[in-house]
Amino acid sequence: MEIFFGTIVLLIYLSIFLFGYKKDYQRNPKEFLKTIIGMPVSFILSLFGGNFLDKKIKKWTKK
């Protein structure tokens, strides 16, 4: 039962992600991947006090 529930939640998440960000990906795939990777990592690092790495990631995404 737990696997079924987890699969349904994952499918809903992936469908929202696909339809919500499809146009952004088509415009510029390289920038899209930097944003998708950089934003959550930067957020987590800023929560735990990793300001040095947070600034490096922000510079990397702006290039």
C-alpha atoms as a PDB file:
ATOM      1  CA  MET A   1       0.000   0.000   0.000  1.00  0.00           C
ATOM      2  CA  GLU A   2       2.832   2.423   0.838  1.00  0.00           C
ATOM      3  CA  ILE A   3       4.536   1.748  -2.478  1.00  0.00           C
ATOM      4  CA  PHE A   4       1.302   2.455  -4.332  1.00  0.00           C
ATOM      5  CA  PHE A   5       0.807   5.754  -2.484  1.00  0.00           C
ATOM      6  CA  GLY A   6       4.440   6.771  -3.087  1.00  0.00           C
ATOM      7  CA  THR A   7       4.136   5.970  -6.794  1.00  0.00           C
ATOM      8  CA  ILE A   8       0.985   8.065  -7.135  1.00  0.00           C
ATOM      9  CA  VAL A   9       2.592  11.033  -5.364  1.00  0.00           C
ATOM     10  CA  LEU A  10       5.705  10.730  -7.543  1.00  0.00           C
ATOM     11  CA  LEU A  11       3.637  10.609 -10.738  1.00  0.00           C
ATOM     12  CA  ILE A  12       1.665  13.697  -9.709  1.00  0.00           C
ATOM     13  CA  TYR A  13       4.872  15.563  -8.877  1.00  0.00           C
ATOM     14  CA  LEU A  14       6.537  14.614 -12.179  1.00  0.00           C
ATOM     15  CA  SER A  15       3.480  15.585 -14.230  1.00  0.00           C
ATOM     16  CA  ILE A  16       3.267  18.999 -12.547  1.00  0.00           C
ATOM     17  CA  PHE A  17       7.000  19.469 -13.050  1.00  0.00           C
ATOM     18  CA  LEU A  18       6.831  18.439 -16.716  1.00  0.00           C
ATOM     19  CA  PHE A  19       3.898  20.654 -17.664  1.00  0.00           C
ATOM     20  CA  GLY A  20       4.953  23.561 -15.472  1.00  0.00           C
ATOM     21  CA  TYR A  21       8.517  23.872 -16.711  1.00  0.00           C
ATOM     22  CA  LYS A  22       8.339  22.548 -20.281  1.00  0.00           C
ATOM     23  CA  LYS A  23       8.454  26.001 -21.889  1.00  0.00           C
ATOM     24  CA  ASP A  24      11.360  27.126 -19.699  1.00  0.00           C
ATOM     25  CA  TYR A  25      13.311  24.041 -20.683  1.00  0.00           C
ATOM     26  CA  GLN A  26      12.629  24.581 -24.385  1.00  0.00           C
ATOM     27  CA  ARG A  27      13.827  28.189 -24.175  1.00  0.00           C
ATOM     28  CA  ASN A  28      17.203  27.448 -22.643  1.00  0.00           C
ATOM     29  CA  PRO A  29      17.961  23.915 -21.424  1.00  0.00           C
ATOM     30  CA  LYS A  30      21.393  24.776 -20.002  1.00  0.00           C
ATOM     31  CA  GLU A  31      20.080  27.590 -17.802  1.00  0.00           C
ATOM     32  CA  PHE A  32      17.100  25.472 -16.798  1.00  0.00           C
ATOM     33  CA  LEU A  33      19.301  22.683 -15.441  1.00  0.00           C
ATOM     34  CA  LYS A  34      21.483  25.173 -13.549  1.00  0.00           C
ATOM     35  CA  THR A  35      18.377  26.654 -11.956  1.00  0.00           C
ATOM     36  CA  ILE A  36      16.849  23.314 -11.026  1.00  0.00           C
ATOM     37  CA  ILE A  37      20.098  22.107  -9.470  1.00  0.00           C
ATOM     38  CA  GLY A  38      21.268  25.412  -8.004  1.00  0.00           C
ATOM     39  CA  MET A  39      18.140  26.684  -6.282  1.00  0.00           C
ATOM     40  CA  PRO A  40      17.473  23.783  -3.874  1.00  0.00           C
ATOM     41  CA  VAL A  41      21.155  23.265  -3.081  1.00  0.00           C
ATOM     42  CA  SER A  42      21.649  26.963  -2.444  1.00  0.00           C
ATOM     43  CA  PHE A  43      18.576  27.066  -0.213  1.00  0.00           C
ATOM     44  CA  ILE A  44      19.719  24.089   1.860  1.00  0.00           C
ATOM     45  CA  LEU A  45      23.243  25.494   2.216  1.00  0.00           C
ATOM     46  CA  SER A  46      21.944  28.870   3.348  1.00  0.00           C
ATOM     47  CA  LEU A  47      19.806  27.160   6.010  1.00  0.00           C
ATOM     48  CA  PHE A  48      22.803  25.327   7.449  1.00  0.00           C
ATOM     49  CA  GLY A  49      25.183  28.282   7.314  1.00  0.00           C
ATOM     50  CA  GLY A  50      27.171  27.390   4.211  1.00  0.00           C
ATOM     51  CA  ASN A  51      27.364  30.972   2.960  1.00  0.00           C
ATOM     52  CA  PHE A  52      30.651  30.475   1.108  1.00  0.00           C
ATOM     53  CA  LEU A  53      29.297  27.614  -1.016  1.00  0.00           C
ATOM     54  CA  ASP A  54      25.973  29.396  -1.366  1.00  0.00           C
ATOM     55  CA  LYS A  55      27.709  32.378  -3.000  1.00  0.00           C
ATOM     56  CA  LYS A  56      29.696  30.091  -5.324  1.00  0.00           C
ATOM     57  CA  ILE A  57      26.529  28.365  -6.502  1.00  0.00           C
ATOM     58  CA  LYS A  58      24.812  31.700  -7.122  1.00  0.00           C
ATOM     59  CA  LYS A  59      27.779  32.814  -9.255  1.00  0.00           C
ATOM     60  CA  TRP A  60      27.682  29.508 -11.140  1.00  0.00           C
ATOM     61  CA  THR A  61      23.969  29.872 -11.964  1.00  0.00           C
ATOM     62  CA  LYS A  62      24.406  33.458 -13.164  1.00  0.00           C
ATOM     63  CA  LYS A  63      27.120  32.561 -15.699  1.00  0.00           C
END
